[in-house]
Amino acid sequence: MSFLPKACLTVLLPLSIFPAIHLSNSPRANLTISIQPMDTITHGPANLFDPNTKPQLISKQFAFTEGPAANTHGDVFFTDQPNNSIWKYGNEGKLSLFAEGKGRSNGMYFDKHGNLLTCADEQNQIWSISPDGKAEKILLKDYSGKKFNGPNDLWVDGKGGIFFTDPYYQRDYWTRKHPEIEGEKVYYLPPGQTQAIMVSDKLKKPNGIAGTSDGKYLYVADIGGDKTYRFTIGANGALTEQQLFTAQGSDGMTLDDEGNVYLTGKGVSIFNPKGEKIGWIDIAEPWTANVCFGGKNRDVLFITASKAVYTFQMKVKGASKNASKQK
């Protein structure tokens, strides 16, 4: 999950009848994501969504939308990162500005206390923002005295520990021009601690991240390698048994209560727990950055895409931890 001004993405389709799509001001530079020929219209199993369902445009007033996260009420919060603002889309359908000047937050997630945890990209930190949006606390500021590349996306386990990805995307608002840490990695911040643990250095450019409701598995998208992996979660956040889930990368991601995985990029791709592609949702925007489940019943897919945000009615609900229902 990231915003990179003046970057360009080319999405290459495997058949010549589908033209390449060149994106200006997109969040990806020199990346290729494979799209199947059937991904020209929205499709998926009837148990996931009605075949006549279409994405509903909520607003297209932003510079670049990212980081959707739902609280326990089903309200969805998302960022307009270039404008350094966080917005709220209430479960009653009202859109409102939640907070400004919150560290250029990128990926976000609610903890069990209702605090909004964010990847504060301005200073490469992890923040906790109070439920009213008025106060913030720095949870993590560096790794062994060195700035992180740029914490990008995060997921909170049932104990309150934070998994996050740390790819490097050069920002025009940074004074530095090079990373201080070698490599782009995945980290874990144990609950109540102030130092993170590096838990994976095997990916080219880790980005989207999400875990299963039972806390057994963690999915991490390697957008640089155009692949998504599944790890087994061990004690103290240790990641083992890295397995290829699908040969498709992703920006943000989410899971539903049936274990299906939703990847983003060109629209929303849906995979079953075996890694088999079972559906695709067409979003008429240059880039689909992120997705989460929200709404009173957690059955509405909320989608951030370029300058817009959309909703899509589902028949399934989001995985419980995607709505902060932690024990």
C-alpha atoms as a PDB file:
ATOM      1  CA  MET A   1       0.000   0.000   0.000  1.00  0.00           C
ATOM      2  CA  SER A   2       1.653   3.189  -1.088  1.00  0.00           C
ATOM      3  CA  PHE A   3       1.447   6.400  -3.040  1.00  0.00           C
ATOM      4  CA  LEU A   4       4.334   7.347  -5.268  1.00  0.00           C
ATOM      5  CA  PRO A   5       3.977  10.605  -7.222  1.00  0.00           C
ATOM      6  CA  LYS A   6       4.970  10.601 -10.874  1.00  0.00           C
ATOM      7  CA  ALA A   7       5.339   6.835 -11.057  1.00  0.00           C
ATOM      8  CA  CYS A   8       4.135   4.662 -13.878  1.00  0.00           C
ATOM      9  CA  LEU A   9       2.636   1.176 -13.891  1.00  0.00           C
ATOM     10  CA  THR A  10       2.117  -1.022 -16.909  1.00  0.00           C
ATOM     11  CA  VAL A  11      -0.400  -3.827 -16.490  1.00  0.00           C
ATOM     12  CA  LEU A  12       0.325  -6.443 -19.119  1.00  0.00           C
ATOM     13  CA  LEU A  13      -2.481  -8.678 -20.316  1.00  0.00           C
ATOM     14  CA  PRO A  14      -1.545 -12.096 -21.685  1.00  0.00           C
ATOM     15  CA  LEU A  15      -3.547 -11.848 -24.893  1.00  0.00           C
ATOM     16  CA  SER A  16      -2.776  -9.286 -27.526  1.00  0.00           C
ATOM     17  CA  ILE A  17      -6.421  -8.315 -27.840  1.00  0.00           C
ATOM     18  CA  PHE A  18      -6.180  -6.640 -24.466  1.00  0.00           C
ATOM     19  CA  PRO A  19      -4.110  -3.446 -24.587  1.00  0.00           C
ATOM     20  CA  ALA A  20      -1.513  -2.534 -22.010  1.00  0.00           C
ATOM     21  CA  ILE A  21      -2.746   0.047 -19.526  1.00  0.00           C
ATOM     22  CA  HIS A  22      -0.308   2.809 -18.601  1.00  0.00           C
ATOM     23  CA  LEU A  23      -0.992   4.577 -15.343  1.00  0.00           C
ATOM     24  CA  SER A  24       0.356   7.996 -14.486  1.00  0.00           C
ATOM     25  CA  ASN A  25       0.610   9.017 -10.831  1.00  0.00           C
ATOM     26  CA  SER A  26       0.044   5.397  -9.834  1.00  0.00           C
ATOM     27  CA  PRO A  27       1.505   3.773  -6.718  1.00  0.00           C
ATOM     28  CA  ARG A  28       3.693   1.337  -8.634  1.00  0.00           C
ATOM     29  CA  ALA A  29       6.876   1.774 -10.638  1.00  0.00           C
ATOM     30  CA  ASN A  30       7.981  -0.743 -13.261  1.00  0.00           C
ATOM     31  CA  LEU A  31       5.812  -3.576 -11.983  1.00  0.00           C
ATOM     32  CA  THR A  32       3.908  -6.188 -13.942  1.00  0.00           C
ATOM     33  CA  ILE A  33       0.792  -7.911 -12.631  1.00  0.00           C
ATOM     34  CA  SER A  34      -0.669 -10.731 -14.666  1.00  0.00           C
ATOM     35  CA  ILE A  35      -4.382 -10.474 -15.469  1.00  0.00           C
ATOM     36  CA  GLN A  36      -6.333 -13.442 -16.780  1.00  0.00           C
ATOM     37  CA  PRO A  37      -8.289 -13.096 -20.061  1.00  0.00           C
ATOM     38  CA  MET A  38     -11.566 -13.705 -18.216  1.00  0.00           C
ATOM     39  CA  ASP A  39     -10.986 -10.647 -16.053  1.00  0.00           C
ATOM     40  CA  THR A  40     -12.916  -8.230 -18.221  1.00  0.00           C
ATOM     41  CA  ILE A  41     -16.232  -8.301 -16.344  1.00  0.00           C
ATOM     42  CA  THR A  42     -17.082  -8.888 -12.694  1.00  0.00           C
ATOM     43  CA  HIS A  43     -17.661 -12.559 -11.943  1.00  0.00           C
ATOM     44  CA  GLY A  44     -17.668 -14.920  -8.979  1.00  0.00           C
ATOM     45  CA  PRO A  45     -19.567 -17.719  -7.190  1.00  0.00           C
ATOM     46  CA  ALA A  46     -23.173 -16.978  -6.293  1.00  0.00           C
ATOM     47  CA  ASN A  47     -22.442 -17.635  -2.628  1.00  0.00           C
ATOM     48  CA  LEU A  48     -20.061 -14.655  -2.597  1.00  0.00           C
ATOM     49  CA  PHE A  49     -22.164 -12.000  -4.288  1.00  0.00           C
ATOM     50  CA  ASP A  50     -25.159 -11.579  -6.549  1.00  0.00           C
ATOM     51  CA  PRO A  51     -24.087 -11.631 -10.218  1.00  0.00           C
ATOM     52  CA  ASN A  52     -25.922  -8.353 -10.810  1.00  0.00           C
ATOM     53  CA  THR A  53     -24.045  -6.521  -8.070  1.00  0.00           C
ATOM     54  CA  LYS A  54     -21.971  -3.574  -9.221  1.00  0.00           C
ATOM     55  CA  PRO A  55     -19.488  -1.357  -7.367  1.00  0.00           C
ATOM     56  CA  GLN A  56     -21.095   1.761  -5.962  1.00  0.00           C
ATOM     57  CA  LEU A  57     -19.068   4.948  -6.226  1.00  0.00           C
ATOM     58  CA  ILE A  58     -19.074   6.818  -2.902  1.00  0.00           C
ATOM     59  CA  SER A  59     -16.796   9.719  -3.809  1.00  0.00           C
ATOM     60  CA  LYS A  60     -14.072  10.708  -6.246  1.00  0.00           C
ATOM     61  CA  GLN A  61     -12.760  13.827  -4.550  1.00  0.00           C
ATOM     62  CA  PHE A  62      -9.386  12.586  -3.334  1.00  0.00           C
ATOM     63  CA  ALA A  63      -5.770  12.572  -4.546  1.00  0.00           C
ATOM     64  CA  PHE A  64      -5.051   8.892  -3.754  1.00  0.00           C
ATOM     65  CA  THR A  65      -7.004   6.667  -1.374  1.00  0.00           C
ATOM     66  CA  GLU A  66      -5.513   3.934   0.799  1.00  0.00           C
ATOM     67  CA  GLY A  67      -5.549   2.076   4.109  1.00  0.00           C
ATOM     68  CA  PRO A  68      -9.242   1.184   4.726  1.00  0.00           C
ATOM     69  CA  ALA A  69      -9.943  -0.212   8.190  1.00  0.00           C
ATOM     70  CA  ALA A  70     -13.252  -0.967   9.916  1.00  0.00           C
ATOM     71  CA  ASN A  71     -14.005  -0.440  13.596  1.00  0.00           C
ATOM     72  CA  THR A  72     -16.349  -2.684  15.589  1.00  0.00           C
ATOM     73  CA  HIS A  73     -19.375  -0.638  14.471  1.00  0.00           C
ATOM     74  CA  GLY A  74     -18.563  -1.234  10.804  1.00  0.00           C
ATOM     75  CA  ASP A  75     -17.514   2.352  10.137  1.00  0.00           C
ATOM     76  CA  VAL A  76     -14.655   2.425   7.640  1.00  0.00           C
ATOM     77  CA  PHE A  77     -11.710   4.797   7.917  1.00  0.00           C
ATOM     78  CA  PHE A  78      -9.347   5.423   5.004  1.00  0.00           C
ATOM     79  CA  THR A  79      -6.553   7.776   4.044  1.00  0.00           C
ATOM     80  CA  ASP A  80      -6.047  10.374   1.363  1.00  0.00           C
ATOM     81  CA  GLN A  81      -2.317  10.096   1.794  1.00  0.00           C
ATOM     82  CA  PRO A  82      -1.058  12.886  -0.493  1.00  0.00           C
ATOM     83  CA  ASN A  83      -3.330  15.293   1.392  1.00  0.00           C
ATOM     84  CA  ASN A  84      -2.305  13.854   4.791  1.00  0.00           C
ATOM     85  CA  SER A  85      -5.895  13.252   5.868  1.00  0.00           C
ATOM     86  CA  ILE A  86      -8.000  10.402   7.240  1.00  0.00           C
ATOM     87  CA  TRP A  87     -11.666  10.080   6.310  1.00  0.00           C
ATOM     88  CA  LYS A  88     -14.574   8.179   7.825  1.00  0.00           C
ATOM     89  CA  TYR A  89     -17.360   6.441   5.929  1.00  0.00           C
ATOM     90  CA  GLY A  90     -20.017   5.710   8.543  1.00  0.00           C
ATOM     91  CA  ASN A  91     -22.173   2.605   8.427  1.00  0.00           C
ATOM     92  CA  GLU A  92     -25.119   4.925   7.849  1.00  0.00           C
ATOM     93  CA  GLY A  93     -23.540   6.073   4.577  1.00  0.00           C
ATOM     94  CA  LYS A  94     -22.146   9.431   5.692  1.00  0.00           C
ATOM     95  CA  LEU A  95     -18.697  10.539   4.534  1.00  0.00           C
ATOM     96  CA  SER A  96     -16.781  12.909   6.815  1.00  0.00           C
ATOM     97  CA  LEU A  97     -13.251  14.106   7.551  1.00  0.00           C
ATOM     98  CA  PHE A  98     -11.890  12.305  10.628  1.00  0.00           C
ATOM     99  CA  ALA A  99      -8.459  13.858  11.111  1.00  0.00           C
ATOM    100  CA  GLU A 100      -5.709  15.808   9.358  1.00  0.00           C
ATOM    101  CA  GLY A 101      -1.954  15.869   9.788  1.00  0.00           C
ATOM    102  CA  LYS A 102      -1.568  12.300  11.039  1.00  0.00           C
ATOM    103  CA  GLY A 103       1.898  11.475   9.767  1.00  0.00           C
ATOM    104  CA  ARG A 104       0.790  10.814   6.178  1.00  0.00           C
ATOM    105  CA  SER A 105      -0.793   7.561   7.305  1.00  0.00           C
ATOM    106  CA  ASN A 106      -0.870   4.712   4.823  1.00  0.00           C
ATOM    107  CA  GLY A 107      -2.017   1.243   5.925  1.00  0.00           C
ATOM    108  CA  MET A 108      -4.285   1.222   8.997  1.00  0.00           C
ATOM    109  CA  TYR A 109      -5.924  -1.213  11.403  1.00  0.00           C
ATOM    110  CA  PHE A 110      -7.976  -0.945  14.610  1.00  0.00           C
ATOM    111  CA  ASP A 111      -6.796  -2.476  17.847  1.00  0.00           C
ATOM    112  CA  LYS A 112      -9.199  -4.022  20.369  1.00  0.00           C
ATOM    113  CA  HIS A 113      -9.359  -0.740  22.315  1.00  0.00           C
ATOM    114  CA  GLY A 114     -10.676   1.209  19.329  1.00  0.00           C
ATOM    115  CA  ASN A 115      -7.396   2.976  18.595  1.00  0.00           C
ATOM    116  CA  LEU A 116      -6.505   3.371  14.943  1.00  0.00           C
ATOM    117  CA  LEU A 117      -3.026   1.958  14.290  1.00  0.00           C
ATOM    118  CA  THR A 118      -1.359   3.471  11.251  1.00  0.00           C
ATOM    119  CA  CYS A 119       1.762   3.239   9.140  1.00  0.00           C
ATOM    120  CA  ALA A 120       2.806   6.873   9.531  1.00  0.00           C
ATOM    121  CA  ASP A 121       4.842   7.287   6.374  1.00  0.00           C
ATOM    122  CA  GLU A 122       6.070  10.834   6.927  1.00  0.00           C
ATOM    123  CA  GLN A 123       8.684   9.756   9.503  1.00  0.00           C
ATOM    124  CA  ASN A 124       8.511   5.987   8.824  1.00  0.00           C
ATOM    125  CA  GLN A 125       6.836   5.135  12.117  1.00  0.00           C
ATOM    126  CA  ILE A 126       3.928   3.157  13.573  1.00  0.00           C
ATOM    127  CA  TRP A 127       1.322   5.329  15.313  1.00  0.00           C
ATOM    128  CA  SER A 128      -1.729   4.769  17.482  1.00  0.00           C
ATOM    129  CA  ILE A 129      -4.473   7.372  17.007  1.00  0.00           C
ATOM    130  CA  SER A 130      -7.152   7.756  19.682  1.00  0.00           C
ATOM    131  CA  PRO A 131     -10.784   6.884  18.841  1.00  0.00           C
ATOM    132  CA  ASP A 132     -11.695  10.579  18.629  1.00  0.00           C
ATOM    133  CA  GLY A 133      -8.762  11.324  16.308  1.00  0.00           C
ATOM    134  CA  LYS A 134      -7.372  14.045  18.561  1.00  0.00           C
ATOM    135  CA  ALA A 135      -4.320  12.346  20.047  1.00  0.00           C
ATOM    136  CA  GLU A 136      -1.607  10.105  18.712  1.00  0.00           C
ATOM    137  CA  LYS A 137       1.157   7.995  20.211  1.00  0.00           C
ATOM    138  CA  ILE A 138       4.309   6.754  18.480  1.00  0.00           C
ATOM    139  CA  LEU A 139       4.495   3.001  19.021  1.00  0.00           C
ATOM    140  CA  LEU A 140       7.603   2.392  16.928  1.00  0.00           C
ATOM    141  CA  LYS A 141      10.078   4.869  15.447  1.00  0.00           C
ATOM    142  CA  ASP A 142      13.139   2.922  14.259  1.00  0.00           C
ATOM    143  CA  TYR A 143      14.953  -0.396  14.030  1.00  0.00           C
ATOM    144  CA  SER A 144      18.247  -0.507  15.939  1.00  0.00           C
ATOM    145  CA  GLY A 145      18.534   3.252  15.543  1.00  0.00           C
ATOM    146  CA  LYS A 146      17.866   3.266  11.810  1.00  0.00           C
ATOM    147  CA  LYS A 147      14.771   4.583  10.080  1.00  0.00           C
ATOM    148  CA  PHE A 148      12.459   1.989   8.609  1.00  0.00           C
ATOM    149  CA  ASN A 149      12.099   2.067   4.829  1.00  0.00           C
ATOM    150  CA  GLY A 150       8.481   3.107   5.180  1.00  0.00           C
ATOM    151  CA  PRO A 151       5.990   0.920   7.090  1.00  0.00           C
ATOM    152  CA  ASN A 152       3.313   0.237   4.530  1.00  0.00           C
ATOM    153  CA  ASP A 153       0.596  -2.114   5.734  1.00  0.00           C
ATOM    154  CA  LEU A 154      -0.147  -3.839   9.029  1.00  0.00           C
ATOM    155  CA  TRP A 155      -2.241  -6.530  10.681  1.00  0.00           C
ATOM    156  CA  VAL A 156      -2.866  -7.019  14.398  1.00  0.00           C
ATOM    157  CA  ASP A 157      -3.000 -10.493  15.933  1.00  0.00           C
ATOM    158  CA  GLY A 158      -5.280 -11.602  18.764  1.00  0.00           C
ATOM    159  CA  LYS A 159      -2.683 -10.730  21.405  1.00  0.00           C
ATOM    160  CA  GLY A 160      -2.248  -7.193  20.125  1.00  0.00           C
ATOM    161  CA  GLY A 161       1.053  -7.789  18.340  1.00  0.00           C
ATOM    162  CA  ILE A 162       1.547  -5.927  15.063  1.00  0.00           C
ATOM    163  CA  PHE A 163       2.832  -7.495  11.849  1.00  0.00           C
ATOM    164  CA  PHE A 164       3.848  -4.924   9.240  1.00  0.00           C
ATOM    165  CA  THR A 165       5.566  -4.713   5.877  1.00  0.00           C
ATOM    166  CA  ASP A 166       8.413  -2.305   5.178  1.00  0.00           C
ATOM    167  CA  PRO A 167       9.067  -1.778   1.455  1.00  0.00           C
ATOM    168  CA  TYR A 168      10.941   1.231   0.142  1.00  0.00           C
ATOM    169  CA  TYR A 169       9.099   3.806  -1.987  1.00  0.00           C
ATOM    170  CA  GLN A 170      10.919   7.102  -2.280  1.00  0.00           C
ATOM    171  CA  ARG A 171       8.686  10.024  -1.248  1.00  0.00           C
ATOM    172  CA  ASP A 172       8.971  13.577  -2.480  1.00  0.00           C
ATOM    173  CA  TYR A 173       8.367  14.835   1.075  1.00  0.00           C
ATOM    174  CA  TRP A 174      11.407  12.979   2.502  1.00  0.00           C
ATOM    175  CA  THR A 175      14.778  14.674   2.858  1.00  0.00           C
ATOM    176  CA  ARG A 176      16.655  11.362   2.585  1.00  0.00           C
ATOM    177  CA  LYS A 177      17.190   9.780  -0.818  1.00  0.00           C
ATOM    178  CA  HIS A 178      18.299   6.291   0.219  1.00  0.00           C
ATOM    179  CA  PRO A 179      17.155   3.650   2.708  1.00  0.00           C
ATOM    180  CA  GLU A 180      18.970   3.280   6.025  1.00  0.00           C
ATOM    181  CA  ILE A 181      18.074  -0.406   6.326  1.00  0.00           C
ATOM    182  CA  GLU A 182      19.322  -2.967   3.833  1.00  0.00           C
ATOM    183  CA  GLY A 183      16.506  -5.003   2.278  1.00  0.00           C
ATOM    184  CA  GLU A 184      12.704  -4.796   2.363  1.00  0.00           C
ATOM    185  CA  LYS A 185      11.285  -6.975   5.111  1.00  0.00           C
ATOM    186  CA  VAL A 186       8.402  -8.016   7.335  1.00  0.00           C
ATOM    187  CA  TYR A 187       8.474  -7.160  11.056  1.00  0.00           C
ATOM    188  CA  TYR A 188       6.556  -7.981  14.221  1.00  0.00           C
ATOM    189  CA  LEU A 189       6.060  -5.637  17.162  1.00  0.00           C
ATOM    190  CA  PRO A 190       5.162  -7.733  20.231  1.00  0.00           C
ATOM    191  CA  PRO A 191       2.378  -6.294  22.419  1.00  0.00           C
ATOM    192  CA  GLY A 192       3.638  -3.698  24.866  1.00  0.00           C
ATOM    193  CA  GLN A 193       7.128  -3.618  23.357  1.00  0.00           C
ATOM    194  CA  THR A 194       9.023  -0.758  21.718  1.00  0.00           C
ATOM    195  CA  GLN A 195      11.387  -2.764  19.507  1.00  0.00           C
ATOM    196  CA  ALA A 196      10.305  -4.746  16.460  1.00  0.00           C
ATOM    197  CA  ILE A 197      11.528  -8.200  15.449  1.00  0.00           C
ATOM    198  CA  MET A 198      12.398  -8.943  11.824  1.00  0.00           C
ATOM    199  CA  VAL A 199      10.387 -12.044  10.897  1.00  0.00           C
ATOM    200  CA  SER A 200      10.973 -12.376   7.136  1.00  0.00           C
ATOM    201  CA  ASP A 201      13.603 -11.138   4.706  1.00  0.00           C
ATOM    202  CA  LYS A 202      12.697 -13.507   1.858  1.00  0.00           C
ATOM    203  CA  LEU A 203      10.526 -11.181  -0.229  1.00  0.00           C
ATOM    204  CA  LYS A 204      11.509  -8.619  -2.864  1.00  0.00           C
ATOM    205  CA  LYS A 205       9.012  -5.914  -1.921  1.00  0.00           C
ATOM    206  CA  PRO A 206       6.434  -6.958   0.725  1.00  0.00           C
ATOM    207  CA  ASN A 207       3.266  -4.911   0.666  1.00  0.00           C
ATOM    208  CA  GLY A 208      -0.244  -6.101   1.582  1.00  0.00           C
ATOM    209  CA  ILE A 209      -0.609  -8.210   4.719  1.00  0.00           C
ATOM    210  CA  ALA A 210      -3.476  -9.993   6.487  1.00  0.00           C
ATOM    211  CA  GLY A 211      -3.917 -12.911   8.856  1.00  0.00           C
ATOM    212  CA  THR A 212      -6.556 -15.580   9.409  1.00  0.00           C
ATOM    213  CA  SER A 213      -9.143 -15.246  12.179  1.00  0.00           C
ATOM    214  CA  ASP A 214      -7.679 -18.163  14.127  1.00  0.00           C
ATOM    215  CA  GLY A 215      -4.257 -16.516  14.121  1.00  0.00           C
ATOM    216  CA  LYS A 216      -2.561 -19.518  12.496  1.00  0.00           C
ATOM    217  CA  TYR A 217      -1.584 -18.071   9.133  1.00  0.00           C
ATOM    218  CA  LEU A 218      -0.324 -14.801   7.719  1.00  0.00           C
ATOM    219  CA  TYR A 219      -0.623 -13.791   4.062  1.00  0.00           C
ATOM    220  CA  VAL A 220       1.941 -11.368   2.645  1.00  0.00           C
ATOM    221  CA  ALA A 221       1.904  -9.980  -0.878  1.00  0.00           C
ATOM    222  CA  ASP A 222       5.266  -9.581  -2.588  1.00  0.00           C
ATOM    223  CA  ILE A 223       4.332  -6.946  -5.132  1.00  0.00           C
ATOM    224  CA  GLY A 224       7.918  -6.782  -6.357  1.00  0.00           C
ATOM    225  CA  GLY A 225       7.936 -10.488  -7.183  1.00  0.00           C
ATOM    226  CA  ASP A 226       4.271 -10.568  -8.304  1.00  0.00           C
ATOM    227  CA  LYS A 227       3.459 -13.328  -5.814  1.00  0.00           C
ATOM    228  CA  THR A 228       1.546 -13.794  -2.582  1.00  0.00           C
ATOM    229  CA  TYR A 229       2.776 -16.122   0.176  1.00  0.00           C
ATOM    230  CA  ARG A 230       1.277 -17.810   3.210  1.00  0.00           C
ATOM    231  CA  PHE A 231       3.260 -18.224   6.420  1.00  0.00           C
ATOM    232  CA  THR A 232       2.538 -20.192   9.570  1.00  0.00           C
ATOM    233  CA  ILE A 233       2.556 -17.952  12.647  1.00  0.00           C
ATOM    234  CA  GLY A 234       4.549 -19.237  15.597  1.00  0.00           C
ATOM    235  CA  ALA A 235       5.461 -18.010  19.053  1.00  0.00           C
ATOM    236  CA  ASN A 236       6.378 -14.344  19.416  1.00  0.00           C
ATOM    237  CA  GLY A 237       5.421 -13.640  15.807  1.00  0.00           C
ATOM    238  CA  ALA A 238       7.867 -16.090  14.239  1.00  0.00           C
ATOM    239  CA  LEU A 239       6.987 -16.909  10.627  1.00  0.00           C
ATOM    240  CA  THR A 240       7.697 -20.402   9.293  1.00  0.00           C
ATOM    241  CA  GLU A 241       6.630 -22.661   6.432  1.00  0.00           C
ATOM    242  CA  GLN A 242       6.593 -20.004   3.741  1.00  0.00           C
ATOM    243  CA  GLN A 243       4.421 -21.326   0.900  1.00  0.00           C
ATOM    244  CA  LEU A 244       3.483 -19.796  -2.433  1.00  0.00           C
ATOM    245  CA  PHE A 245      -0.231 -19.011  -2.238  1.00  0.00           C
ATOM    246  CA  THR A 246      -0.653 -17.614  -5.750  1.00  0.00           C
ATOM    247  CA  ALA A 247       1.555 -16.257  -8.526  1.00  0.00           C
ATOM    248  CA  GLN A 248      -0.050 -12.833  -8.289  1.00  0.00           C
ATOM    249  CA  GLY A 249       1.095  -9.905  -6.233  1.00  0.00           C
ATOM    250  CA  SER A 250      -1.105  -7.341  -4.542  1.00  0.00           C
ATOM    251  CA  ASP A 251      -1.222  -3.933  -2.981  1.00  0.00           C
ATOM    252  CA  GLY A 252      -3.607  -4.223  -0.009  1.00  0.00           C
ATOM    253  CA  MET A 253      -5.593  -7.338   0.873  1.00  0.00           C
ATOM    254  CA  THR A 254      -8.276  -8.734   3.142  1.00  0.00           C
ATOM    255  CA  LEU A 255      -9.971 -12.038   4.042  1.00  0.00           C
ATOM    256  CA  ASP A 256     -13.556 -13.118   4.519  1.00  0.00           C
ATOM    257  CA  ASP A 257     -14.975 -15.498   7.139  1.00  0.00           C
ATOM    258  CA  GLU A 258     -14.771 -18.412   4.714  1.00  0.00           C
ATOM    259  CA  GLY A 259     -11.032 -17.965   4.332  1.00  0.00           C
ATOM    260  CA  ASN A 260     -11.137 -16.426   0.854  1.00  0.00           C
ATOM    261  CA  VAL A 261      -8.383 -13.934   0.111  1.00  0.00           C
ATOM    262  CA  TYR A 262      -9.011 -10.643  -1.719  1.00  0.00           C
ATOM    263  CA  LEU A 263      -6.068  -9.164  -3.619  1.00  0.00           C
ATOM    264  CA  THR A 264      -5.912  -5.750  -5.278  1.00  0.00           C
ATOM    265  CA  GLY A 265      -4.191  -4.050  -8.193  1.00  0.00           C
ATOM    266  CA  LYS A 266      -6.280  -4.159 -11.350  1.00  0.00           C
ATOM    267  CA  GLY A 267      -9.659  -4.556  -9.672  1.00  0.00           C
ATOM    268  CA  VAL A 268     -10.168  -7.053  -6.837  1.00  0.00           C
ATOM    269  CA  SER A 269      -9.163 -10.682  -7.363  1.00  0.00           C
ATOM    270  CA  ILE A 270     -10.691 -13.333  -5.087  1.00  0.00           C
ATOM    271  CA  PHE A 271      -8.931 -16.602  -4.221  1.00  0.00           C
ATOM    272  CA  ASN A 272     -10.191 -19.527  -2.173  1.00  0.00           C
ATOM    273  CA  PRO A 273      -8.049 -20.899   0.697  1.00  0.00           C
ATOM    274  CA  LYS A 274      -6.325 -23.277  -1.752  1.00  0.00           C
ATOM    275  CA  GLY A 275      -5.035 -20.359  -3.807  1.00  0.00           C
ATOM    276  CA  GLU A 276      -7.444 -20.962  -6.685  1.00  0.00           C
ATOM    277  CA  LYS A 277      -8.877 -17.862  -8.307  1.00  0.00           C
ATOM    278  CA  ILE A 278     -12.671 -17.904  -7.984  1.00  0.00           C
ATOM    279  CA  GLY A 279     -13.719 -14.340  -8.765  1.00  0.00           C
ATOM    280  CA  TRP A 280     -12.846 -10.850  -9.875  1.00  0.00           C
ATOM    281  CA  ILE A 281     -14.487  -7.463  -9.272  1.00  0.00           C
ATOM    282  CA  ASP A 282     -13.984  -4.846 -11.948  1.00  0.00           C
ATOM    283  CA  ILE A 283     -13.221  -1.376 -10.613  1.00  0.00           C
ATOM    284  CA  ALA A 284     -13.215   1.344 -13.271  1.00  0.00           C
ATOM    285  CA  GLU A 285     -10.111   3.107 -11.960  1.00  0.00           C
ATOM    286  CA  PRO A 286      -6.426   3.010 -12.966  1.00  0.00           C
ATOM    287  CA  TRP A 287      -5.372   1.258  -9.747  1.00  0.00           C
ATOM    288  CA  THR A 288      -7.205  -0.520  -6.931  1.00  0.00           C
ATOM    289  CA  ALA A 289      -5.047   0.021  -3.864  1.00  0.00           C
ATOM    290  CA  ASN A 290      -6.798  -1.627  -0.959  1.00  0.00           C
ATOM    291  CA  VAL A 291      -9.908  -3.262   0.419  1.00  0.00           C
ATOM    292  CA  CYS A 292     -11.624  -4.228   3.679  1.00  0.00           C
ATOM    293  CA  PHE A 293     -15.014  -5.396   4.939  1.00  0.00           C
ATOM    294  CA  GLY A 294     -17.242  -2.925   6.740  1.00  0.00           C
ATOM    295  CA  GLY A 295     -20.882  -2.049   7.372  1.00  0.00           C
ATOM    296  CA  LYS A 296     -23.132  -2.998  10.294  1.00  0.00           C
ATOM    297  CA  ASN A 297     -23.058  -6.657   9.254  1.00  0.00           C
ATOM    298  CA  ARG A 298     -19.461  -6.650   7.969  1.00  0.00           C
ATOM    299  CA  ASP A 299     -20.774  -7.750   4.569  1.00  0.00           C
ATOM    300  CA  VAL A 300     -19.881  -4.678   2.524  1.00  0.00           C
ATOM    301  CA  LEU A 301     -16.578  -4.635   0.668  1.00  0.00           C
ATOM    302  CA  PHE A 302     -15.032  -1.175   0.888  1.00  0.00           C
ATOM    303  CA  ILE A 303     -12.574  -0.438  -1.897  1.00  0.00           C
ATOM    304  CA  THR A 304     -10.012   2.360  -2.227  1.00  0.00           C
ATOM    305  CA  ALA A 305      -9.044   2.946  -5.851  1.00  0.00           C
ATOM    306  CA  SER A 306      -6.935   5.833  -7.152  1.00  0.00           C
ATOM    307  CA  LYS A 307      -8.884   9.047  -6.450  1.00  0.00           C
ATOM    308  CA  ALA A 308     -12.076   7.227  -5.456  1.00  0.00           C
ATOM    309  CA  VAL A 309     -13.731   4.961  -2.909  1.00  0.00           C
ATOM    310  CA  TYR A 310     -16.372   2.320  -3.674  1.00  0.00           C
ATOM    311  CA  THR A 311     -18.579  -0.193  -1.877  1.00  0.00           C
ATOM    312  CA  PHE A 312     -19.619  -3.635  -3.101  1.00  0.00           C
ATOM    313  CA  GLN A 313     -22.354  -5.685  -1.420  1.00  0.00           C
ATOM    314  CA  MET A 314     -21.280  -9.210  -0.503  1.00  0.00           C
ATOM    315  CA  LYS A 315     -23.079 -12.319   0.771  1.00  0.00           C
ATOM    316  CA  VAL A 316     -20.138 -13.237   3.000  1.00  0.00           C
ATOM    317  CA  LYS A 317     -18.714 -11.351   5.948  1.00  0.00           C
ATOM    318  CA  GLY A 318     -15.227 -10.135   6.590  1.00  0.00           C
ATOM    319  CA  ALA A 319     -12.900 -12.213   8.732  1.00  0.00           C
ATOM    320  CA  SER A 320     -13.559 -11.263  12.339  1.00  0.00           C
ATOM    321  CA  LYS A 321     -10.199  -9.630  12.989  1.00  0.00           C
ATOM    322  CA  ASN A 322     -10.665  -7.419   9.934  1.00  0.00           C
ATOM    323  CA  ALA A 323     -13.323  -5.704  12.030  1.00  0.00           C
ATOM    324  CA  SER A 324     -11.240  -5.683  15.223  1.00  0.00           C
ATOM    325  CA  LYS A 325     -13.216  -8.440  16.925  1.00  0.00           C
ATOM    326  CA  GLN A 326     -10.244  -9.639  18.884  1.00  0.00           C
ATOM    327  CA  LYS A 327     -10.204 -11.774  22.017  1.00  0.00           C
END
